[in-house]
């Protein structure tokens, strides 16, 4: 599951992030979709969130905010299921606070 690059061993998610940063979007997508599929198969919610979050970054870079939103909404906290490392859906107040700086 890990890939060797020089002296480093990288997971598909790490390779996907690296390729995304390098602008190799197709290659990044392959690594991240592979990570997403494996996370679904194993029930690894953390890996799923990492891969989907990175794919959402790609969607935004490609000018597709609706695709990024659709990808992330299923991963948000729900009542009775709150975790410290899970993003919460922004409220109108939090959005306007960020805009005012």
C-alpha atoms as a PDB file:
ATOM      1  CA  UNK A   1       0.000   0.000   0.000  1.00  0.00           C
ATOM      2  CA  UNK A   2       2.955   2.340   0.541  1.00  0.00           C
ATOM      3  CA  UNK A   3       5.101   3.560  -2.334  1.00  0.00           C
ATOM      4  CA  UNK A   4       8.804   4.256  -2.158  1.00  0.00           C
ATOM      5  CA  UNK A   5      10.028   7.628  -3.398  1.00  0.00           C
ATOM      6  CA  UNK A   6      13.699   8.125  -2.787  1.00  0.00           C
ATOM      7  CA  UNK A   7      14.270   7.293   0.877  1.00  0.00           C
ATOM      8  CA  UNK A   8      10.625   7.943   1.799  1.00  0.00           C
ATOM      9  CA  UNK A   9       7.644   5.625   1.960  1.00  0.00           C
ATOM     10  CA  UNK A  10       4.399   7.409   1.093  1.00  0.00           C
ATOM     11  CA  UNK A  11       0.781   6.296   1.388  1.00  0.00           C
ATOM     12  CA  UNK A  12      -1.629   6.815  -1.533  1.00  0.00           C
ATOM     13  CA  UNK A  13      -3.110   9.804   0.319  1.00  0.00           C
ATOM     14  CA  UNK A  14       0.322  11.399   0.779  1.00  0.00           C
ATOM     15  CA  UNK A  15       1.164  10.751  -2.874  1.00  0.00           C
ATOM     16  CA  UNK A  16      -2.159  12.227  -3.902  1.00  0.00           C
ATOM     17  CA  UNK A  17      -1.488  15.402  -1.916  1.00  0.00           C
ATOM     18  CA  UNK A  18       2.035  15.618  -3.334  1.00  0.00           C
ATOM     19  CA  UNK A  19       0.844  15.189  -6.937  1.00  0.00           C
ATOM     20  CA  UNK A  20      -1.951  17.702  -6.364  1.00  0.00           C
ATOM     21  CA  UNK A  21       0.580  20.259  -5.091  1.00  0.00           C
ATOM     22  CA  UNK A  22       2.729  19.580  -8.146  1.00  0.00           C
ATOM     23  CA  UNK A  23      -0.238  20.199 -10.446  1.00  0.00           C
ATOM     24  CA  UNK A  24      -0.485  16.580 -11.632  1.00  0.00           C
ATOM     25  CA  UNK A  25      -4.246  16.483 -11.046  1.00  0.00           C
ATOM     26  CA  UNK A  26      -5.009  13.267 -12.939  1.00  0.00           C
ATOM     27  CA  UNK A  27      -2.328  11.298 -11.120  1.00  0.00           C
ATOM     28  CA  UNK A  28      -3.373  12.850  -7.808  1.00  0.00           C
ATOM     29  CA  UNK A  29      -6.967  11.849  -8.495  1.00  0.00           C
ATOM     30  CA  UNK A  30      -5.979   8.223  -9.128  1.00  0.00           C
ATOM     31  CA  UNK A  31      -4.122   7.979  -5.809  1.00  0.00           C
ATOM     32  CA  UNK A  32      -6.911   9.708  -3.893  1.00  0.00           C
ATOM     33  CA  UNK A  33      -9.710   7.663  -5.488  1.00  0.00           C
ATOM     34  CA  UNK A  34      -7.723   4.522  -4.637  1.00  0.00           C
ATOM     35  CA  UNK A  35      -7.437   5.729  -1.044  1.00  0.00           C
ATOM     36  CA  UNK A  36     -11.190   6.464  -0.970  1.00  0.00           C
ATOM     37  CA  UNK A  37     -12.056   2.989  -2.284  1.00  0.00           C
ATOM     38  CA  UNK A  38      -9.813   1.277   0.266  1.00  0.00           C
ATOM     39  CA  UNK A  39     -11.239   3.417   3.070  1.00  0.00           C
ATOM     40  CA  UNK A  40     -14.779   2.430   2.044  1.00  0.00           C
ATOM     41  CA  UNK A  41     -13.793  -1.249   1.893  1.00  0.00           C
ATOM     42  CA  UNK A  42     -12.195  -1.224   5.337  1.00  0.00           C
ATOM     43  CA  UNK A  43     -14.567   1.225   7.026  1.00  0.00           C
ATOM     44  CA  UNK A  44     -11.686   3.604   7.788  1.00  0.00           C
ATOM     45  CA  UNK A  45     -13.545   6.885   8.327  1.00  0.00           C
ATOM     46  CA  UNK A  46     -10.394   8.896   9.021  1.00  0.00           C
ATOM     47  CA  UNK A  47      -8.765   7.808   5.743  1.00  0.00           C
ATOM     48  CA  UNK A  48     -12.038   8.523   3.930  1.00  0.00           C
ATOM     49  CA  UNK A  49     -12.160  12.050   5.357  1.00  0.00           C
ATOM     50  CA  UNK A  50      -8.530  12.716   4.448  1.00  0.00           C
ATOM     51  CA  UNK A  51      -8.926  11.494   0.874  1.00  0.00           C
ATOM     52  CA  UNK A  52     -12.276  13.178   0.295  1.00  0.00           C
ATOM     53  CA  UNK A  53     -10.970  16.422   1.806  1.00  0.00           C
ATOM     54  CA  UNK A  54      -8.034  16.397  -0.577  1.00  0.00           C
ATOM     55  CA  UNK A  55     -10.301  15.572  -3.515  1.00  0.00           C
ATOM     56  CA  UNK A  56     -12.450  18.536  -2.455  1.00  0.00           C
ATOM     57  CA  UNK A  57      -9.334  20.740  -2.608  1.00  0.00           C
ATOM     58  CA  UNK A  58      -8.807  19.499  -6.152  1.00  0.00           C
ATOM     59  CA  UNK A  59     -12.447  20.246  -6.986  1.00  0.00           C
ATOM     60  CA  UNK A  60     -11.986  23.823  -5.749  1.00  0.00           C
ATOM     61  CA  UNK A  61      -8.762  24.257  -7.723  1.00  0.00           C
ATOM     62  CA  UNK A  62     -10.660  23.119 -10.811  1.00  0.00           C
ATOM     63  CA  UNK A  63     -13.389  25.696 -10.183  1.00  0.00           C
ATOM     64  CA  UNK A  64     -16.011  23.185  -9.035  1.00  0.00           C
ATOM     65  CA  UNK A  65     -17.164  24.363  -5.583  1.00  0.00           C
ATOM     66  CA  UNK A  66     -20.474  22.471  -5.810  1.00  0.00           C
ATOM     67  CA  UNK A  67     -18.582  19.199  -6.309  1.00  0.00           C
ATOM     68  CA  UNK A  68     -16.362  19.974  -3.295  1.00  0.00           C
ATOM     69  CA  UNK A  69     -19.422  20.757  -1.177  1.00  0.00           C
ATOM     70  CA  UNK A  70     -21.220  17.563  -2.231  1.00  0.00           C
ATOM     71  CA  UNK A  71     -18.103  15.541  -1.444  1.00  0.00           C
ATOM     72  CA  UNK A  72     -17.728  16.966   2.079  1.00  0.00           C
ATOM     73  CA  UNK A  73     -21.298  17.266   3.393  1.00  0.00           C
ATOM     74  CA  UNK A  74     -21.667  13.511   4.048  1.00  0.00           C
ATOM     75  CA  UNK A  75     -18.551  13.654   6.233  1.00  0.00           C
ATOM     76  CA  UNK A  76     -19.724  16.410   8.595  1.00  0.00           C
ATOM     77  CA  UNK A  77     -20.607  15.787  12.232  1.00  0.00           C
ATOM     78  CA  UNK A  78     -24.201  14.914  12.989  1.00  0.00           C
ATOM     79  CA  UNK A  79     -26.147  15.299  16.233  1.00  0.00           C
ATOM     80  CA  UNK A  80     -24.913  12.704  18.695  1.00  0.00           C
ATOM     81  CA  UNK A  81     -21.763  12.052  16.652  1.00  0.00           C
ATOM     82  CA  UNK A  82     -19.298  14.827  17.317  1.00  0.00           C
ATOM     83  CA  UNK A  83     -15.572  14.331  16.978  1.00  0.00           C
ATOM     84  CA  UNK A  84     -12.892  16.925  17.577  1.00  0.00           C
ATOM     85  CA  UNK A  85     -11.188  16.501  14.185  1.00  0.00           C
ATOM     86  CA  UNK A  86     -14.333  16.636  12.024  1.00  0.00           C
ATOM     87  CA  UNK A  87     -15.249  19.889  10.302  1.00  0.00           C
ATOM     88  CA  UNK A  88     -18.563  21.429  11.172  1.00  0.00           C
ATOM     89  CA  UNK A  89     -20.799  23.071   8.621  1.00  0.00           C
ATOM     90  CA  UNK A  90     -20.135  26.824   8.747  1.00  0.00           C
ATOM     91  CA  UNK A  91     -22.970  29.010   9.933  1.00  0.00           C
ATOM     92  CA  UNK A  92     -23.908  32.378   8.461  1.00  0.00           C
ATOM     93  CA  UNK A  93     -22.359  34.056  11.513  1.00  0.00           C
ATOM     94  CA  UNK A  94     -19.016  32.276  11.172  1.00  0.00           C
ATOM     95  CA  UNK A  95     -18.882  33.100   7.440  1.00  0.00           C
ATOM     96  CA  UNK A  96     -19.566  36.788   7.966  1.00  0.00           C
ATOM     97  CA  UNK A  97     -17.020  36.939  10.794  1.00  0.00           C
ATOM     98  CA  UNK A  98     -14.324  35.588   8.504  1.00  0.00           C
ATOM     99  CA  UNK A  99     -15.155  38.117   5.800  1.00  0.00           C
ATOM    100  CA  UNK A 100     -14.837  41.061   8.206  1.00  0.00           C
ATOM    101  CA  UNK A 101     -11.422  39.812   9.281  1.00  0.00           C
END
